[in-house]
Every structure is written in C-alpha cells, then in structure tokens.
C-alpha cells in the first residue's frame, strides 16, 4: 500500500495479480487480463479495462493504482536524437531514464535505484549518494511511460545501466525482467535485455541460476585491484578475482558472452600494462570489451579524485582498441550519445540540496 492506502498493482507478477483478484473475491483469470492490459496495451486507467464489469472497474479505481511514476520532463539531444526522461516518484524523489536511437535499434536505459550506493568516482550518479531502491513497479513504469510516449514497437532493447546498481536491488530488478519477458506482455526477448553490474559475485551467480539468461555487462574499468579500489570502492569488498570467478560461472551456466565495460581515463587505465592484463582476463572468459569515452561529470561539481579525472584522447582510445584487437579480443568503441543533455554513460544524476 502507498500513503493513501491504495494497492499498487504495477510491478506485481502474473501470479501475484491472480492472487490479488482471488483475495477480493474475483476470478483469478482477471489477473491474466490485467497483466495483458498493463504490459501489452499499456493501460494506466482502470476505466479503460473494457472486458471488466463496471463495478470492478470502479472498485479498482477506488482501491488500487496502476501507475507509480509521474513524467516531469524530457530533453532531446540535437546531435544524436537521444531522449532523457525525468520522473518523480510518489514520495518526491527524482530519477532519470534514457532512450538511445541507433539506426533500427532503440535502446532504453533504465534506472533501478534513486542514486547509487557504490560511489564510483567517474559516475555522476555515485556523486548523488543513495536514497532508496526502486520498486519493481517503478522500474517497469519507466519502460511503460516511455513506450507510451515514444512508441512501444520502437523500443528494441533494454539495458539496466541507468541510475543505481541493479544487483543491490536484486529482487525488484529480477521481477521487472520476469515481467518484461513474460509471453503475456508480448514485450522483449531475453537476448535483448542486458543487466550491468559493478560486481556483486553472489548475485551474479544467483542471476545465472535464475533461468532468465539475460545478457550481463560487467563494469571493469581496470584490470588491477589497486586502481579499481581507488575509482570503484566496491572493489574493496568484492575484489576482481571473486568477480572473475562469478563471471566465468555466469558465462558457462547461461552460454552467453560477458561484456566488459571500460571507461577510458587518462593516465589511469589506458597504458600498455592495462592492455596486457585485459588480455589475460579476456582469455579466461568468453567476452568482448565495450570501450567508453569518459563523459564529463562537471554538472555535479565533483571533488577529490572525481575532479581530477580526465578523458583519454580519442586517438589514443583508437590505438588502445587496435592493440587489444591484435590480441584477438573483440573490442567496440561506444559512441557518446546525449552528452549535450547530460544523458551519456555515467552522467545521469539529480542534484539534492
């Protein structure tokens, strides 16, 4: 229940919706119908449930809610067509999501938390601090509200790479994925969904055992523990080797290839010794590397090491990637999308007083 005692139905699984209707004296098949209305037809108002009797529609209107977020604003990138959406939660928090067009591929970047607890030094979200986890309803509502605005058929991929660490909000992230991939939602296949993590080994293994078989991206950013400790404090709790073993398990269990995300930081992780260590890691796990140019986080007025970070010059990024390819490693340089509206990788953040 929320503050006004209404039952929030968004984010409930099919079985939970069936149980809800049985609990109010209705047939459980109403759960199947509502699941279809919410996630396939993107309905937010009980009055639109045309195959529900009027008395049930009235009861749902009075006792339940089908929406968890409010769209506050959206910004369009003139240069890339990227769209950044700003949502408010019912308790007054703000989160951002991003729609990235790329030819016939339109990728939706979803948030799983308000802020982030990991404090990665190159990420604006980390500079926000951590407020709370998002519910499964709030995660799925980002997709549904943007699909309603942009066109559901146009969204081809989902990546859990927005604000927050998905695997520290594991249960709600998993529920959202189950909803997205359920046949009744007629939504996205598992191979079009990617979960990104900075490294929570036990959760990586648990996700492998879940049977969902989504793609996994690992925020590597350095092949050396001492450097990761400085720029990614989570590494002190979960060192690289523990994560590598968990990633090996994930790749073997799901028969998928791991994506290593690698933000290029001048003088920190763009050296020849970094290439050698990256090659060693990639030789142990079926994988590819996504190289990400470092995007400015100046809009968050960073201090400490965050204020000292500089991007590796693009020519050096190309040279770095070529040297990795010479070692038979699959490498992709990710184009910066939406940096003119602070929507590029690592830039999502909402300032709090």
Protein backbone atom coordinates (compact mmCIF):
# COMPACT_ATOMS: atom_id res chain seq x y z
CA UNK A 1 0.00 0.00 0.00
CA UNK A 2 1.08 3.60 -0.53
CA UNK A 3 0.36 6.71 1.54
CA UNK A 4 -3.34 6.85 0.63
CA UNK A 5 -3.83 3.10 1.26
CA UNK A 6 -4.33 2.22 -2.38
CA UNK A 7 -2.90 -1.09 -3.53
CA UNK A 8 -0.24 -0.59 -6.19
CA UNK A 9 -0.72 -3.25 -8.87
CA UNK A 10 2.10 -2.15 -11.16
CA UNK A 11 5.12 -4.40 -10.66
CA UNK A 12 3.17 -7.44 -9.45
CA UNK A 13 3.92 -10.68 -11.25
CA UNK A 14 1.19 -12.61 -13.02
CA UNK A 15 0.79 -14.99 -10.09
CA UNK A 16 0.62 -12.07 -7.65
CA UNK A 17 -2.10 -10.41 -9.73
CA UNK A 18 -4.05 -13.66 -9.80
CA UNK A 19 -3.75 -13.91 -6.01
CA UNK A 20 -4.88 -10.32 -5.59
CA UNK A 21 -8.08 -10.84 -7.53
CA UNK A 22 -8.82 -14.05 -5.64
CA UNK A 23 -8.30 -12.13 -2.38
CA UNK A 24 -11.06 -9.67 -3.31
CA UNK A 25 -13.48 -12.40 -4.37
CA UNK A 26 -12.86 -12.23 -8.14
CA UNK A 27 -11.83 -14.96 -10.56
CA UNK A 28 -8.07 -15.31 -10.83
CA UNK A 29 -8.20 -15.03 -14.63
CA UNK A 30 -8.78 -11.32 -14.05
CA UNK A 31 -5.10 -11.25 -13.15
CA UNK A 32 -4.19 -12.52 -16.62
CA UNK A 33 -6.43 -9.92 -18.21
CA UNK A 34 -4.99 -7.07 -16.18
CA UNK A 35 -1.41 -8.22 -16.79
CA UNK A 36 -2.15 -8.11 -20.53
CA UNK A 37 -3.76 -4.66 -20.27
CA UNK A 38 -0.87 -3.16 -18.30
CA UNK A 39 2.15 -4.62 -20.05
CA UNK A 40 0.88 -5.26 -23.57
CA UNK A 41 -1.67 -2.50 -24.13
CA UNK A 42 -0.02 -0.05 -21.70
CA UNK A 43 -3.17 0.96 -19.85
CA UNK A 44 -2.90 3.25 -16.82
CA UNK A 45 -6.61 3.84 -16.07
CA UNK A 46 -8.99 1.10 -14.81
CA UNK A 47 -11.81 2.74 -16.78
CA UNK A 48 -10.09 1.53 -19.97
CA UNK A 49 -10.41 -2.15 -18.97
CA UNK A 50 -13.22 -2.83 -21.41
CA UNK A 51 -13.59 -6.54 -20.57
CA UNK A 52 -14.00 -5.82 -16.84
CA UNK A 53 -17.51 -5.22 -15.44
CA UNK A 54 -18.22 -1.65 -14.40
CA UNK A 55 -18.43 -2.45 -10.68
CA UNK A 56 -14.94 -4.00 -10.80
CA UNK A 57 -13.54 -1.04 -12.72
CA UNK A 58 -14.98 1.29 -10.07
CA UNK A 59 -13.50 -0.81 -7.28
CA UNK A 60 -10.07 -0.83 -8.93
CA UNK A 61 -10.23 2.94 -9.38
CA UNK A 62 -11.09 3.46 -5.72
CA UNK A 63 -8.79 0.87 -4.17
CA UNK A 64 -5.78 0.48 -6.48
CA UNK A 65 -3.28 2.37 -8.59
CA UNK A 66 -1.85 1.38 -11.97
CA UNK A 67 0.94 3.95 -12.07
CA UNK A 68 3.91 4.63 -9.78
CA UNK A 69 5.78 7.49 -11.50
CA UNK A 70 4.99 10.87 -12.99
CA UNK A 71 6.78 12.12 -16.10
CA UNK A 72 8.20 15.52 -15.14
CA UNK A 73 10.28 16.49 -18.14
CA UNK A 74 12.15 15.23 -21.19
CA UNK A 75 15.10 16.57 -23.10
CA UNK A 76 16.14 15.84 -26.69
CA UNK A 77 19.74 15.74 -27.85
CA UNK A 78 20.01 17.80 -31.03
CA UNK A 79 23.12 15.96 -32.15
CA UNK A 80 22.14 12.32 -31.56
CA UNK A 81 18.37 12.16 -31.04
CA UNK A 82 18.85 10.73 -27.55
CA UNK A 83 15.93 11.48 -25.21
CA UNK A 84 16.36 11.86 -21.45
CA UNK A 85 13.25 11.43 -19.28
CA UNK A 86 12.89 12.81 -15.77
CA UNK A 87 10.39 11.06 -13.49
CA UNK A 88 9.21 11.79 -9.98
CA UNK A 89 8.23 9.09 -7.50
CA UNK A 90 5.24 9.32 -5.22
CA UNK A 91 7.49 10.14 -2.26
CA UNK A 92 9.13 13.04 -4.07
CA UNK A 93 12.35 11.54 -5.43
CA UNK A 94 13.59 12.07 -8.98
CA UNK A 95 15.07 9.52 -11.39
CA UNK A 96 16.25 9.64 -14.99
CA UNK A 97 15.95 7.19 -17.90
CA UNK A 98 17.39 7.48 -21.40
CA UNK A 99 16.19 6.37 -24.85
CA UNK A 100 19.08 5.96 -27.28
CA UNK A 101 18.27 5.65 -31.00
CA UNK A 102 20.82 3.96 -33.23
CA UNK A 103 19.55 3.05 -36.69
CA UNK A 104 16.86 0.38 -36.35
CA UNK A 105 17.90 -0.22 -32.73
CA UNK A 106 16.36 1.86 -29.94
CA UNK A 107 17.81 1.10 -26.52
CA UNK A 108 16.10 2.11 -23.29
CA UNK A 109 18.42 2.65 -20.34
CA UNK A 110 16.54 2.03 -17.08
CA UNK A 111 17.31 3.03 -13.50
CA UNK A 112 16.94 0.66 -10.56
CA UNK A 113 17.71 2.99 -7.64
CA UNK A 114 17.40 6.62 -6.62
CA UNK A 115 21.08 7.48 -6.67
CA UNK A 116 23.64 4.73 -6.11
CA UNK A 117 25.43 3.33 -3.05
CA UNK A 118 28.66 2.37 -4.85
CA UNK A 119 30.31 5.82 -5.22
CA UNK A 120 32.22 5.11 -8.44
CA UNK A 121 34.41 8.17 -8.90
CA UNK A 122 33.78 8.58 -12.65
CA UNK A 123 29.97 8.40 -12.37
CA UNK A 124 27.64 11.32 -11.67
CA UNK A 125 25.03 9.02 -10.13
CA UNK A 126 27.53 7.95 -7.49
CA UNK A 127 28.03 11.58 -6.52
CA UNK A 128 24.29 11.78 -5.69
CA UNK A 129 24.63 9.33 -2.87
CA UNK A 130 21.99 6.68 -2.28
CA UNK A 131 18.36 7.44 -1.43
CA UNK A 132 16.49 4.14 -1.88
CA UNK A 133 15.76 1.18 -4.14
CA UNK A 134 13.11 1.48 -6.81
CA UNK A 135 10.18 -0.93 -6.63
CA UNK A 136 9.52 -3.37 -9.45
CA UNK A 137 6.59 -1.13 -10.38
CA UNK A 138 8.81 1.93 -10.62
CA UNK A 139 11.29 0.05 -12.79
CA UNK A 140 8.62 -1.25 -15.16
CA UNK A 141 6.81 2.10 -15.21
CA UNK A 142 9.87 3.76 -16.74
CA UNK A 143 9.52 1.41 -19.69
CA UNK A 144 5.75 1.73 -19.93
CA UNK A 145 5.62 5.53 -19.69
CA UNK A 146 8.40 5.93 -22.24
CA UNK A 147 6.81 3.32 -24.51
CA UNK A 148 3.57 5.27 -24.31
CA UNK A 149 5.40 8.46 -25.26
CA UNK A 150 7.86 7.10 -27.81
CA UNK A 151 6.03 4.05 -29.17
CA UNK A 152 6.31 0.57 -27.70
CA UNK A 153 7.13 -1.05 -31.04
CA UNK A 154 10.11 1.29 -31.40
CA UNK A 155 11.86 0.12 -28.23
CA UNK A 156 14.02 -2.83 -29.23
CA UNK A 157 16.38 -3.27 -26.28
CA UNK A 158 16.51 -2.66 -22.55
CA UNK A 159 19.69 -2.11 -20.56
CA UNK A 160 19.79 -1.83 -16.78
CA UNK A 161 22.56 0.76 -16.93
CA UNK A 162 20.85 3.87 -15.58
CA UNK A 163 20.95 5.15 -12.02
CA UNK A 164 21.92 2.56 -9.42
CA UNK A 165 23.45 -0.90 -9.11
CA UNK A 166 20.83 -3.45 -10.28
CA UNK A 167 22.26 -6.33 -8.26
CA UNK A 168 21.94 -4.48 -4.95
CA UNK A 169 18.25 -4.17 -5.79
CA UNK A 170 18.22 -7.74 -6.95
CA UNK A 171 14.68 -8.92 -6.23
CA UNK A 172 12.94 -5.93 -7.81
CA UNK A 173 15.25 -5.98 -10.82
CA UNK A 174 14.57 -9.68 -11.30
CA UNK A 175 10.80 -9.17 -11.03
CA UNK A 176 10.93 -6.44 -13.66
CA UNK A 177 12.85 -8.72 -16.02
CA UNK A 178 10.34 -11.53 -15.45
CA UNK A 179 7.53 -9.14 -16.35
CA UNK A 180 9.31 -7.79 -19.44
CA UNK A 181 9.99 -11.27 -20.78
CA UNK A 182 6.66 -12.91 -19.94
CA UNK A 183 4.80 -14.15 -23.00
CA UNK A 184 1.62 -12.31 -21.98
CA UNK A 185 3.43 -8.97 -22.05
CA UNK A 186 4.46 -9.57 -25.69
CA UNK A 187 7.49 -7.49 -24.88
CA UNK A 188 11.19 -8.22 -25.28
CA UNK A 189 13.17 -11.41 -25.60
CA UNK A 190 15.86 -12.19 -23.05
CA UNK A 191 18.66 -11.64 -25.55
CA UNK A 192 17.57 -8.01 -25.88
CA UNK A 193 17.93 -7.29 -22.16
CA UNK A 194 21.27 -6.51 -20.51
CA UNK A 195 22.00 -6.15 -16.80
CA UNK A 196 25.06 -4.11 -15.88
CA UNK A 197 26.87 -4.59 -12.59
CA UNK A 198 29.96 -3.21 -10.89
CA UNK A 199 30.48 -6.61 -9.31
CA UNK A 200 28.41 -8.42 -6.65
CA UNK A 201 29.69 -12.01 -7.04
CA UNK A 202 26.96 -13.83 -5.11
CA UNK A 203 24.25 -12.02 -7.04
CA UNK A 204 25.97 -12.73 -10.36
CA UNK A 205 25.81 -16.43 -9.54
CA UNK A 206 22.21 -16.13 -8.36
CA UNK A 207 21.27 -14.39 -11.61
CA UNK A 208 22.95 -17.19 -13.52
CA UNK A 209 20.83 -19.72 -11.64
CA UNK A 210 17.60 -17.75 -12.12
CA UNK A 211 16.97 -19.21 -15.58
CA UNK A 212 16.39 -15.76 -17.10
CA UNK A 213 19.54 -15.93 -19.22
CA UNK A 214 19.79 -12.20 -19.90
CA UNK A 215 23.00 -10.63 -21.11
CA UNK A 216 25.44 -9.47 -18.46
CA UNK A 217 27.74 -6.45 -18.63
CA UNK A 218 30.49 -6.07 -16.04
CA UNK A 219 31.82 -2.61 -15.18
CA UNK A 220 35.52 -3.45 -15.23
CA UNK A 221 37.26 -0.10 -15.88
CA UNK A 222 40.60 -1.51 -14.70
CA UNK A 223 42.23 -4.92 -14.62
CA UNK A 224 44.16 -4.00 -11.46
CA UNK A 225 42.69 -4.20 -7.96
CA UNK A 226 44.60 -1.18 -6.65
CA UNK A 227 43.19 1.06 -9.37
CA UNK A 228 39.67 -0.33 -9.02
CA UNK A 229 39.91 0.29 -5.28
CA UNK A 230 40.51 4.00 -5.99
CA UNK A 231 37.87 4.55 -8.65
CA UNK A 232 35.36 1.86 -7.62
CA UNK A 233 35.26 1.46 -3.81
CA UNK A 234 33.03 -1.63 -4.12
CA UNK A 235 36.15 -3.49 -5.24
CA UNK A 236 37.49 -3.37 -1.67
CA UNK A 237 34.59 -5.57 -0.61
CA UNK A 238 34.43 -7.69 -3.75
CA UNK A 239 37.91 -7.95 -5.33
CA UNK A 240 38.31 -8.57 -9.01
CA UNK A 241 39.24 -12.25 -8.78
CA UNK A 242 36.00 -13.10 -6.92
CA UNK A 243 34.05 -11.37 -9.66
CA UNK A 244 36.02 -13.07 -12.43
CA UNK A 245 35.14 -16.46 -10.98
CA UNK A 246 31.47 -15.46 -10.75
CA UNK A 247 31.54 -14.20 -14.35
CA UNK A 248 33.07 -17.48 -15.52
CA UNK A 249 30.20 -19.27 -13.79
CA UNK A 250 27.64 -16.96 -15.41
CA UNK A 251 29.08 -17.41 -18.91
CA UNK A 252 29.21 -21.21 -18.53
CA UNK A 253 25.74 -21.52 -16.98
CA UNK A 254 23.94 -19.24 -19.43
CA UNK A 255 26.04 -19.91 -22.55
CA UNK A 256 26.37 -16.17 -23.07
CA UNK A 257 29.30 -13.85 -23.61
CA UNK A 258 30.22 -11.32 -20.93
CA UNK A 259 30.57 -7.67 -21.91
CA UNK A 260 33.34 -5.80 -20.11
CA UNK A 261 32.61 -2.09 -19.83
CA UNK A 262 35.73 0.02 -19.80
CA UNK A 263 35.64 3.80 -19.32
CA UNK A 264 38.90 5.28 -20.55
CA UNK A 265 40.62 7.54 -18.00
CA UNK A 266 43.78 9.37 -18.99
CA UNK A 267 46.91 8.04 -17.29
CA UNK A 268 44.89 5.65 -15.13
CA UNK A 269 43.73 2.71 -17.26
CA UNK A 270 44.98 3.48 -20.78
CA UNK A 271 48.55 2.13 -20.50
CA UNK A 272 50.28 -0.80 -22.19
CA UNK A 273 50.22 -2.77 -18.92
CA UNK A 274 46.45 -2.35 -18.88
CA UNK A 275 46.25 -3.96 -22.32
CA UNK A 276 48.26 -6.96 -21.13
CA UNK A 277 46.07 -7.52 -18.06
CA UNK A 278 42.86 -7.06 -20.03
CA UNK A 279 44.04 -9.70 -22.48
CA UNK A 280 44.65 -12.13 -19.60
CA UNK A 281 41.12 -11.62 -18.25
CA UNK A 282 39.51 -11.98 -21.69
CA UNK A 283 41.43 -15.22 -22.25
CA UNK A 284 39.63 -16.70 -19.22
CA UNK A 285 36.05 -15.79 -20.10
CA UNK A 286 34.03 -15.67 -23.36
CA UNK A 287 33.78 -11.91 -23.64
CA UNK A 288 34.00 -8.65 -25.51
CA UNK A 289 35.08 -5.19 -24.41
CA UNK A 290 32.99 -2.03 -24.77
CA UNK A 291 35.31 0.96 -24.54
CA UNK A 292 33.51 4.04 -23.26
CA UNK A 293 34.95 7.56 -23.60
CA UNK A 294 34.85 9.30 -20.22
CA UNK A 295 31.96 11.75 -20.15
CA UNK A 296 32.16 14.93 -18.10
CA UNK A 297 30.59 14.94 -14.64
CA UNK A 298 31.24 18.64 -14.08
CA UNK A 299 27.50 19.26 -13.71
CA UNK A 300 27.77 17.57 -10.30
CA UNK A 301 30.63 19.84 -9.11
CA UNK A 302 32.86 16.86 -8.22
CA UNK A 303 35.60 16.95 -5.62
CA UNK A 304 38.55 14.71 -4.73
CA UNK A 305 39.67 12.16 -7.29
CA UNK A 306 36.47 12.68 -9.29
CA UNK A 307 37.54 16.25 -10.03
CA UNK A 308 40.94 15.08 -11.25
CA UNK A 309 39.74 12.56 -13.84
CA UNK A 310 40.36 13.35 -17.49
CA UNK A 311 39.29 11.56 -20.68
CA UNK A 312 41.80 9.65 -22.73
CA UNK A 313 42.20 11.46 -26.08
CA UNK A 314 40.15 9.76 -28.77
CA UNK A 315 43.16 8.98 -30.96
CA UNK A 316 44.70 7.10 -28.04
CA UNK A 317 41.44 5.23 -27.47
CA UNK A 318 41.54 4.03 -31.08
CA UNK A 319 45.17 2.93 -30.64
CA UNK A 320 44.30 1.15 -27.37
CA UNK A 321 41.46 -0.72 -29.06
CA UNK A 322 43.65 -1.72 -32.02
CA UNK A 323 46.28 -3.19 -29.69
CA UNK A 324 43.60 -5.26 -27.97
CA UNK A 325 42.28 -6.49 -31.33
CA UNK A 326 45.80 -7.58 -32.25
CA UNK A 327 45.44 -9.99 -29.32
CA UNK A 328 42.23 -11.41 -30.85
CA UNK A 329 39.92 -9.62 -28.44
CA UNK A 330 36.54 -8.34 -29.63
CA UNK A 331 36.52 -4.61 -28.93
CA UNK A 332 33.90 -1.95 -29.62
CA UNK A 333 34.23 1.77 -29.02
CA UNK A 334 30.90 3.09 -27.83
CA UNK A 335 29.80 6.35 -29.40
CA UNK A 336 28.96 9.09 -26.93
CA UNK A 337 25.21 9.66 -27.02
CA UNK A 338 23.46 12.58 -25.40
CA UNK A 339 26.34 14.31 -23.61
CA UNK A 340 24.84 17.68 -24.64
CA UNK A 341 21.91 16.96 -22.27
CA UNK A 342 23.93 15.09 -19.60
CA UNK A 343 22.40 11.80 -20.73
CA UNK A 344 25.55 9.93 -21.78
CA UNK A 345 27.08 6.99 -19.92
CA UNK A 346 27.94 7.99 -16.36
CA UNK A 347 26.15 11.34 -16.47
CA UNK A 348 22.71 10.53 -15.02
CA UNK A 349 22.10 12.37 -11.75
CA UNK A 350 19.64 14.58 -9.93
CA UNK A 351 21.01 17.14 -7.51
CA UNK A 352 19.72 17.11 -3.93
CA UNK A 353 20.06 20.04 -1.57
